[in-house]
PDB file of N, CA and C in Angstrom:
ATOM      1  N   MET A   1      51.445   0.946 -33.595  1.00  0.00           N
ATOM      2  CA  MET A   1      50.910   2.179 -34.142  1.00  0.00           C
ATOM      3  C   MET A   1      52.082   3.045 -34.587  1.00  0.00           C
ATOM      4  N   ASN A   2      51.912   3.658 -35.704  1.00  0.00           N
ATOM      5  CA  ASN A   2      52.952   4.511 -36.249  1.00  0.00           C
ATOM      6  C   ASN A   2      52.882   5.877 -35.558  1.00  0.00           C
ATOM      7  N   TRP A   3      53.996   6.328 -34.968  1.00  0.00           N
ATOM      8  CA  TRP A   3      54.012   7.576 -34.214  1.00  0.00           C
ATOM      9  C   TRP A   3      53.840   8.790 -35.120  1.00  0.00           C
ATOM     10  N   ALA A   4      54.238   8.687 -36.374  1.00  0.00           N
ATOM     11  CA  ALA A   4      54.055   9.802 -37.302  1.00  0.00           C
ATOM     12  C   ALA A   4      52.566  10.040 -37.562  1.00  0.00           C
ATOM     13  N   VAL A   5      51.810   8.961 -37.683  1.00  0.00           N
ATOM     14  CA  VAL A   5      50.362   9.091 -37.878  1.00  0.00           C
ATOM     15  C   VAL A   5      49.722   9.676 -36.626  1.00  0.00           C
ATOM     16  N   LEU A   6      50.189   9.241 -35.460  1.00  0.00           N
ATOM     17  CA  LEU A   6      49.646   9.746 -34.202  1.00  0.00           C
ATOM     18  C   LEU A   6      49.922  11.238 -34.052  1.00  0.00           C
ATOM     19  N   ARG A   7      51.122  11.679 -34.425  1.00  0.00           N
ATOM     20  CA  ARG A   7      51.446  13.103 -34.342  1.00  0.00           C
ATOM     21  C   ARG A   7      50.646  13.917 -35.357  1.00  0.00           C
ATOM     22  N   ARG A   8      50.400  13.359 -36.518  1.00  0.00           N
ATOM     23  CA  ARG A   8      49.669  14.082 -37.553  1.00  0.00           C
ATOM     24  C   ARG A   8      48.171  14.128 -37.251  1.00  0.00           C
ATOM     25  N   GLU A   9      47.634  13.080 -36.668  1.00  0.00           N
ATOM     26  CA  GLU A   9      46.198  12.963 -36.408  1.00  0.00           C
ATOM     27  C   GLU A   9      45.881  13.026 -34.916  1.00  0.00           C
ATOM     28  N   TRP A  10      46.589  13.878 -34.180  1.00  0.00           N
ATOM     29  CA  TRP A  10      46.387  13.926 -32.740  1.00  0.00           C
ATOM     30  C   TRP A  10      44.984  14.419 -32.382  1.00  0.00           C
ATOM     31  N   GLY A  11      44.371  15.240 -33.204  1.00  0.00           N
ATOM     32  CA  GLY A  11      43.014  15.720 -32.921  1.00  0.00           C
ATOM     33  C   GLY A  11      41.994  14.600 -32.988  1.00  0.00           C
ATOM     34  N   ALA A  12      42.134  13.743 -33.992  1.00  0.00           N
ATOM     35  CA  ALA A  12      41.208  12.613 -34.127  1.00  0.00           C
ATOM     36  C   ALA A  12      41.401  11.616 -32.993  1.00  0.00           C
ATOM     37  N   VAL A  13      42.654  11.409 -32.611  1.00  0.00           N
ATOM     38  CA  VAL A  13      42.933  10.454 -31.527  1.00  0.00           C
ATOM     39  C   VAL A  13      42.367  10.974 -30.210  1.00  0.00           C
ATOM     40  N   THR A  14      42.549  12.258 -29.923  1.00  0.00           N
ATOM     41  CA  THR A  14      42.001  12.786 -28.675  1.00  0.00           C
ATOM     42  C   THR A  14      40.474  12.795 -28.695  1.00  0.00           C
ATOM     43  N   PHE A  15      39.869  12.997 -29.866  1.00  0.00           N
ATOM     44  CA  PHE A  15      38.413  12.936 -29.956  1.00  0.00           C
ATOM     45  C   PHE A  15      37.914  11.529 -29.633  1.00  0.00           C
ATOM     46  N   VAL A  16      38.552  10.535 -30.209  1.00  0.00           N
ATOM     47  CA  VAL A  16      38.134   9.149 -29.966  1.00  0.00           C
ATOM     48  C   VAL A  16      38.337   8.787 -28.503  1.00  0.00           C
ATOM     49  N   LEU A  17      39.454   9.198 -27.918  1.00  0.00           N
ATOM     50  CA  LEU A  17      39.697   8.894 -26.503  1.00  0.00           C
ATOM     51  C   LEU A  17      38.689   9.619 -25.604  1.00  0.00           C
ATOM     52  N   THR A  18      38.301  10.828 -25.972  1.00  0.00           N
ATOM     53  CA  THR A  18      37.310  11.557 -25.188  1.00  0.00           C
ATOM     54  C   THR A  18      35.944  10.884 -25.264  1.00  0.00           C
ATOM     55  N   VAL A  19      35.577  10.401 -26.430  1.00  0.00           N
ATOM     56  CA  VAL A  19      34.293   9.703 -26.578  1.00  0.00           C
ATOM     57  C   VAL A  19      34.295   8.415 -25.768  1.00  0.00           C
ATOM     58  N   ILE A  20      35.393   7.687 -25.802  1.00  0.00           N
ATOM     59  CA  ILE A  20      35.478   6.437 -25.033  1.00  0.00           C
ATOM     60  C   ILE A  20      35.407   6.732 -23.537  1.00  0.00           C
ATOM     61  N   ALA A  21      36.101   7.778 -23.091  1.00  0.00           N
ATOM     62  CA  ALA A  21      36.042   8.143 -21.673  1.00  0.00           C
ATOM     63  C   ALA A  21      34.623   8.557 -21.289  1.00  0.00           C
ATOM     64  N   GLY A  22      33.927   9.272 -22.171  1.00  0.00           N
ATOM     65  CA  GLY A  22      32.554   9.668 -21.885  1.00  0.00           C
ATOM     66  C   GLY A  22      31.604   8.489 -21.820  1.00  0.00           C
ATOM     67  N   MET A  23      31.870   7.468 -22.642  1.00  0.00           N
ATOM     68  CA  MET A  23      31.027   6.269 -22.613  1.00  0.00           C
ATOM     69  C   MET A  23      31.183   5.510 -21.304  1.00  0.00           C
ATOM     70  N   ILE A  24      32.260   5.741 -20.607  1.00  0.00           N
ATOM     71  CA  ILE A  24      32.474   5.082 -19.320  1.00  0.00           C
ATOM     72  C   ILE A  24      31.996   5.971 -18.174  1.00  0.00           C
ATOM     73  N   VAL A  25      32.315   7.261 -18.233  1.00  0.00           N
ATOM     74  CA  VAL A  25      32.044   8.160 -17.117  1.00  0.00           C
ATOM     75  C   VAL A  25      30.555   8.485 -16.986  1.00  0.00           C
ATOM     76  N   VAL A  26      29.865   8.729 -18.083  1.00  0.00           N
ATOM     77  CA  VAL A  26      28.460   9.146 -18.011  1.00  0.00           C
ATOM     78  C   VAL A  26      27.565   8.060 -17.411  1.00  0.00           C
ATOM     79  N   PRO A  27      27.645   6.798 -17.842  1.00  0.00           N
ATOM     80  CA  PRO A  27      26.806   5.789 -17.171  1.00  0.00           C
ATOM     81  C   PRO A  27      27.145   5.614 -15.693  1.00  0.00           C
ATOM     82  N   LEU A  28      28.421   5.721 -15.341  1.00  0.00           N
ATOM     83  CA  LEU A  28      28.781   5.620 -13.927  1.00  0.00           C
ATOM     84  C   LEU A  28      28.201   6.785 -13.128  1.00  0.00           C
ATOM     85  N   ALA A  29      28.253   7.978 -13.678  1.00  0.00           N
ATOM     86  CA  ALA A  29      27.697   9.138 -12.980  1.00  0.00           C
ATOM     87  C   ALA A  29      26.188   9.004 -12.823  1.00  0.00           C
ATOM     88  N   LEU A  30      25.509   8.521 -13.855  1.00  0.00           N
ATOM     89  CA  LEU A  30      24.062   8.331 -13.748  1.00  0.00           C
ATOM     90  C   LEU A  30      23.717   7.238 -12.743  1.00  0.00           C
ATOM     91  N   TYR A  31      24.518   6.198 -12.684  1.00  0.00           N
ATOM     92  CA  TYR A  31      24.275   5.114 -11.740  1.00  0.00           C
ATOM     93  C   TYR A  31      24.444   5.605 -10.309  1.00  0.00           C
ATOM     94  N   PHE A  32      25.550   6.312 -10.043  1.00  0.00           N
ATOM     95  CA  PHE A  32      25.805   6.749  -8.676  1.00  0.00           C
ATOM     96  C   PHE A  32      24.916   7.922  -8.274  1.00  0.00           C
ATOM     97  N   ALA A  33      24.383   8.662  -9.212  1.00  0.00           N
ATOM     98  CA  ALA A  33      23.469   9.746  -8.870  1.00  0.00           C
ATOM     99  C   ALA A  33      22.146   9.195  -8.361  1.00  0.00           C
ATOM    100  N   ASN A  34      21.782   7.986  -8.758  1.00  0.00           N
ATOM    101  CA  ASN A  34      20.519   7.384  -8.332  1.00  0.00           C
ATOM    102  C   ASN A  34      20.685   6.451  -7.152  1.00  0.00           C
ATOM    103  N   GLN A  35      21.786   6.525  -6.451  1.00  0.00           N
ATOM    104  CA  GLN A  35      22.020   5.644  -5.317  1.00  0.00           C
ATOM    105  C   GLN A  35      21.752   6.329  -3.989  1.00  0.00           C
ATOM    106  N   GLY A  36      20.857   7.317  -3.968  1.00  0.00           N
ATOM    107  CA  GLY A  36      20.536   8.032  -2.742  1.00  0.00           C
ATOM    108  C   GLY A  36      19.801   7.133  -1.762  1.00  0.00           C
ATOM    109  N   PRO A  37      19.757   7.519  -0.475  1.00  0.00           N
ATOM    110  CA  PRO A  37      19.102   6.687   0.533  1.00  0.00           C
ATOM    111  C   PRO A  37      17.581   6.678   0.421  1.00  0.00           C
ATOM    112  N   GLY A  38      16.987   7.724  -0.127  1.00  0.00           N
ATOM    113  CA  GLY A  38      15.534   7.811  -0.202  1.00  0.00           C
ATOM    114  C   GLY A  38      15.012   7.285  -1.520  1.00  0.00           C
ATOM    115  N   PRO A  39      13.698   7.219  -1.626  1.00  0.00           N
ATOM    116  CA  PRO A  39      13.104   6.785  -2.892  1.00  0.00           C
ATOM    117  C   PRO A  39      13.299   7.848  -3.969  1.00  0.00           C
ATOM    118  N   VAL A  40      13.216   7.412  -5.172  1.00  0.00           N
ATOM    119  CA  VAL A  40      13.370   8.334  -6.288  1.00  0.00           C
ATOM    120  C   VAL A  40      12.144   9.230  -6.354  1.00  0.00           C
ATOM    121  N   ALA A  41      12.371  10.524  -6.391  1.00  0.00           N
ATOM    122  CA  ALA A  41      11.268  11.480  -6.429  1.00  0.00           C
ATOM    123  C   ALA A  41      10.773  11.612  -7.858  1.00  0.00           C
ATOM    124  N   THR A  42       9.516  11.240  -8.053  1.00  0.00           N
ATOM    125  CA  THR A  42       8.922  11.397  -9.377  1.00  0.00           C
ATOM    126  C   THR A  42       7.914  12.527  -9.300  1.00  0.00           C
ATOM    127  N   PRO A  43       8.096  13.558 -10.078  1.00  0.00           N
ATOM    128  CA  PRO A  43       7.151  14.677 -10.014  1.00  0.00           C
ATOM    129  C   PRO A  43       5.801  14.280 -10.584  1.00  0.00           C
ATOM    130  N   SER A  44       4.753  14.751  -9.926  1.00  0.00           N
ATOM    131  CA  SER A  44       3.407  14.456 -10.422  1.00  0.00           C
ATOM    132  C   SER A  44       3.041  15.535 -11.424  1.00  0.00           C
ATOM    133  N   LEU A  45       2.921  15.147 -12.649  1.00  0.00           N
ATOM    134  CA  LEU A  45       2.604  16.086 -13.712  1.00  0.00           C
ATOM    135  C   LEU A  45       1.125  15.986 -14.045  1.00  0.00           C
ATOM    136  N   THR A  46       0.456  17.110 -13.988  1.00  0.00           N
ATOM    137  CA  THR A  46      -0.946  17.128 -14.375  1.00  0.00           C
ATOM    138  C   THR A  46      -1.034  17.747 -15.755  1.00  0.00           C
ATOM    139  N   THR A  47      -1.795  17.118 -16.590  1.00  0.00           N
ATOM    140  CA  THR A  47      -1.945  17.645 -17.942  1.00  0.00           C
ATOM    141  C   THR A  47      -3.217  18.464 -17.998  1.00  0.00           C
ATOM    142  N   THR A  48      -3.097  19.673 -18.468  1.00  0.00           N
ATOM    143  CA  THR A  48      -4.254  20.539 -18.628  1.00  0.00           C
ATOM    144  C   THR A  48      -4.331  20.961 -20.078  1.00  0.00           C
ATOM    145  N   SER A  49      -5.530  21.216 -20.496  1.00  0.00           N
ATOM    146  CA  SER A  49      -5.690  21.638 -21.880  1.00  0.00           C
ATOM    147  C   SER A  49      -5.394  23.122 -21.985  1.00  0.00           C
ATOM    148  N   SER A  50      -4.939  23.512 -23.120  1.00  0.00           N
ATOM    149  CA  SER A  50      -4.642  24.924 -23.314  1.00  0.00           C
ATOM    150  C   SER A  50      -5.942  25.697 -23.470  1.00  0.00           C
ATOM    151  N   ALA A  51      -5.869  26.995 -23.333  1.00  0.00           N
ATOM    152  CA  ALA A  51      -7.068  27.830 -23.411  1.00  0.00           C
ATOM    153  C   ALA A  51      -7.681  27.768 -24.798  1.00  0.00           C
ATOM    154  N   ARG A  52      -6.873  27.672 -25.811  1.00  0.00           N
ATOM    155  CA  ARG A  52      -7.398  27.639 -27.170  1.00  0.00           C
ATOM    156  C   ARG A  52      -8.098  26.304 -27.431  1.00  0.00           C
ATOM    157  N   ALA A  53      -7.569  25.222 -26.897  1.00  0.00           N
ATOM    158  CA  ALA A  53      -8.169  23.919 -27.163  1.00  0.00           C
ATOM    159  C   ALA A  53      -9.471  23.742 -26.390  1.00  0.00           C
ATOM    160  N   SER A  54      -9.590  24.355 -25.215  1.00  0.00           N
ATOM    161  CA  SER A  54     -10.792  24.144 -24.426  1.00  0.00           C
ATOM    162  C   SER A  54     -11.876  25.160 -24.717  1.00  0.00           C
ATOM    163  N   GLY A  55     -11.609  26.134 -25.544  1.00  0.00           N
ATOM    164  CA  GLY A  55     -12.619  27.112 -25.880  1.00  0.00           C
ATOM    165  C   GLY A  55     -12.711  28.256 -24.896  1.00  0.00           C
ATOM    166  N   VAL A  56     -11.879  28.272 -23.886  1.00  0.00           N
ATOM    167  CA  VAL A  56     -11.895  29.347 -22.911  1.00  0.00           C
ATOM    168  C   VAL A  56     -11.052  30.486 -23.456  1.00  0.00           C
ATOM    169  N   THR A  57     -11.632  31.665 -23.441  1.00  0.00           N
ATOM    170  CA  THR A  57     -10.865  32.812 -23.921  1.00  0.00           C
ATOM    171  C   THR A  57     -10.412  33.638 -22.737  1.00  0.00           C
ATOM    172  N   SER A  58      -9.246  34.183 -22.842  1.00  0.00           N
ATOM    173  CA  SER A  58      -8.744  35.019 -21.763  1.00  0.00           C
ATOM    174  C   SER A  58      -9.355  36.405 -21.901  1.00  0.00           C
ATOM    175  N   PRO A  59      -9.640  37.045 -20.787  1.00  0.00           N
ATOM    176  CA  PRO A  59     -10.262  38.368 -20.862  1.00  0.00           C
ATOM    177  C   PRO A  59      -9.278  39.368 -21.461  1.00  0.00           C
ATOM    178  N   THR A  60      -9.837  40.233 -22.290  1.00  0.00           N
ATOM    179  CA  THR A  60      -8.980  41.244 -22.895  1.00  0.00           C
ATOM    180  C   THR A  60      -8.860  42.406 -21.930  1.00  0.00           C
ATOM    181  N   PRO A  61      -7.683  42.951 -21.780  1.00  0.00           N
ATOM    182  CA  PRO A  61      -7.522  44.061 -20.828  1.00  0.00           C
ATOM    183  C   PRO A  61      -8.206  45.317 -21.355  1.00  0.00           C
ATOM    184  N   THR A  62      -8.882  46.000 -20.450  1.00  0.00           N
ATOM    185  CA  THR A  62      -9.547  47.238 -20.846  1.00  0.00           C
ATOM    186  C   THR A  62      -8.547  48.370 -20.729  1.00  0.00           C
ATOM    187  N   PRO A  63      -8.484  49.235 -21.714  1.00  0.00           N
ATOM    188  CA  PRO A  63      -7.513  50.334 -21.637  1.00  0.00           C
ATOM    189  C   PRO A  63      -7.941  51.345 -20.591  1.00  0.00           C
ATOM    190  N   SER A  64      -6.991  51.810 -19.835  1.00  0.00           N
ATOM    191  CA  SER A  64      -7.305  52.813 -18.820  1.00  0.00           C
ATOM    192  C   SER A  64      -7.350  54.177 -19.486  1.00  0.00           C
ATOM    193  N   HIS A  65      -8.347  54.960 -19.120  1.00  0.00           N
ATOM    194  CA  HIS A  65      -8.527  56.268 -19.738  1.00  0.00           C
ATOM    195  C   HIS A  65      -7.795  57.310 -18.904  1.00  0.00           C
ATOM    196  N   ALA A  66      -6.575  57.585 -19.275  1.00  0.00           N
ATOM    197  CA  ALA A  66      -5.800  58.610 -18.587  1.00  0.00           C
ATOM    198  C   ALA A  66      -6.093  59.950 -19.242  1.00  0.00           C
ATOM    199  N   PRO A  67      -6.142  61.009 -18.465  1.00  0.00           N
ATOM    200  CA  PRO A  67      -6.397  62.317 -19.072  1.00  0.00           C
ATOM    201  C   PRO A  67      -5.254  62.683 -20.011  1.00  0.00           C
ATOM    202  N   SER A  68      -5.641  63.201 -21.150  1.00  0.00           N
ATOM    203  CA  SER A  68      -4.614  63.546 -22.126  1.00  0.00           C
ATOM    204  C   SER A  68      -3.909  64.815 -21.684  1.00  0.00           C
ATOM    205  N   ALA A  69      -2.639  64.854 -21.933  1.00  0.00           N
ATOM    206  CA  ALA A  69      -1.846  66.019 -21.548  1.00  0.00           C
ATOM    207  C   ALA A  69      -1.884  67.021 -22.688  1.00  0.00           C
ATOM    208  N   SER A  70      -2.852  67.920 -22.612  1.00  0.00           N
ATOM    209  CA  SER A  70      -2.952  68.937 -23.658  1.00  0.00           C
ATOM    210  C   SER A  70      -2.364  70.233 -23.121  1.00  0.00           C
ATOM    211  N   PRO A  71      -1.681  70.951 -23.959  1.00  0.00           N
ATOM    212  CA  PRO A  71      -1.092  72.211 -23.464  1.00  0.00           C
ATOM    213  C   PRO A  71      -2.193  73.217 -23.158  1.00  0.00           C
ATOM    214  N   SER A  72      -2.102  73.814 -22.012  1.00  0.00           N
ATOM    215  CA  SER A  72      -3.113  74.800 -21.630  1.00  0.00           C
ATOM    216  C   SER A  72      -2.639  76.188 -22.051  1.00  0.00           C
ATOM    217  N   ALA A  73      -3.588  77.005 -22.379  1.00  0.00           N
ATOM    218  CA  ALA A  73      -3.248  78.364 -22.799  1.00  0.00           C
ATOM    219  C   ALA A  73      -2.887  79.184 -21.576  1.00  0.00           C
ATOM    220  N   SER A  74      -1.722  79.739 -21.587  1.00  0.00           N
ATOM    221  CA  SER A  74      -1.296  80.559 -20.456  1.00  0.00           C
ATOM    222  C   SER A  74      -1.256  82.023 -20.889  1.00  0.00           C
ATOM    223  N   PRO A  75      -1.658  82.897 -20.032  1.00  0.00           N
ATOM    224  CA  PRO A  75      -1.632  84.324 -20.417  1.00  0.00           C
ATOM    225  C   PRO A  75      -0.197  84.809 -20.594  1.00  0.00           C
ATOM    226  N   THR A  76       0.007  85.601 -21.603  1.00  0.00           N
ATOM    227  CA  THR A  76       1.355  86.113 -21.857  1.00  0.00           C
ATOM    228  C   THR A  76       1.626  87.384 -21.082  1.00  0.00           C
ATOM    229  N   HIS A  77       0.614  88.163 -20.778  1.00  0.00           N
ATOM    230  CA  HIS A  77       0.814  89.388 -19.997  1.00  0.00           C
ATOM    231  C   HIS A  77      -0.098  89.375 -18.839  1.00  0.00           C
TER     232      HIS A  77
END
């Protein structure tokens, strides 16, 4: 390998070396992460239909009637 090319293209070389290292490290990490003593926990996912698809409408909130803050007439004298 020509050292001048390596010095000029050091970014490309480090990118390729990083990708190669990732191709080795990631499968090993995934393999060893699944080597626990217990069984693999699989979450039980239940599928439910959305409210729009099932025709169920959500109740609309009723507005609360708060007394309006109106200025009261105060005596001046």
